[in-house]
C-alpha cells in the first residue's frame, strides 16, 4: 500500500517536472532534483 502511494506521488512529480521543462538542460536539472527529492523521501520512511 505504501509503495503504491509512493509510486503515485513520484509519478505525479515526474509528470509535473517534465511538463514544466523548456530546454534539454532544464530536463537534466529537473531529473536531478526529482532524484534528490525521491532519495530524501525514501530515507524518511
Protein backbone atom coordinates (compact mmCIF):
# COMPACT_ATOMS: atom_id res chain seq x y z
CA UNK A 1 0.00 0.00 0.00
CA UNK A 2 2.75 2.43 0.98
CA UNK A 3 4.75 1.54 -2.11
CA UNK A 4 1.78 2.22 -4.37
CA UNK A 5 1.21 5.60 -2.74
CA UNK A 6 4.89 6.49 -3.04
CA UNK A 7 4.92 5.42 -6.69
CA UNK A 8 1.85 7.55 -7.45
CA UNK A 9 3.43 10.57 -5.77
CA UNK A 10 6.72 10.12 -7.62
CA UNK A 11 4.96 9.71 -10.95
CA UNK A 12 2.92 12.85 -10.32
CA UNK A 13 6.09 14.79 -9.50
CA UNK A 14 7.79 13.43 -12.60
CA UNK A 15 4.83 14.42 -14.77
CA UNK A 16 4.84 17.95 -13.39
CA UNK A 17 8.60 18.25 -13.80
CA UNK A 18 8.54 17.06 -17.40
CA UNK A 19 5.62 19.32 -18.22
CA UNK A 20 7.46 22.37 -16.92
CA UNK A 21 10.76 21.75 -18.74
CA UNK A 22 11.56 24.12 -21.56
CA UNK A 23 15.06 23.05 -22.57
CA UNK A 24 17.21 19.93 -22.57
CA UNK A 25 19.34 21.48 -19.84
CA UNK A 26 16.18 22.10 -17.83
CA UNK A 27 15.21 18.44 -18.19
CA UNK A 28 18.57 17.37 -16.75
CA UNK A 29 18.23 19.70 -13.80
CA UNK A 30 14.66 18.57 -13.14
CA UNK A 31 15.62 14.89 -13.27
CA UNK A 32 18.45 15.55 -10.82
CA UNK A 33 16.09 17.42 -8.48
CA UNK A 34 13.49 14.64 -8.70
CA UNK A 35 16.13 12.03 -7.83
CA UNK A 36 17.30 14.03 -4.84
CA UNK A 37 13.77 14.53 -3.52
CA UNK A 38 12.94 10.85 -4.06
CA UNK A 39 16.02 9.86 -2.05
CA UNK A 40 15.00 12.24 0.75
CA UNK A 41 11.51 10.74 0.84
CA UNK A 42 12.84 7.19 0.89
CA UNK A 43 15.30 7.99 3.69
CA UNK A 44 12.42 9.32 5.77
CA UNK A 45 10.48 6.04 5.57
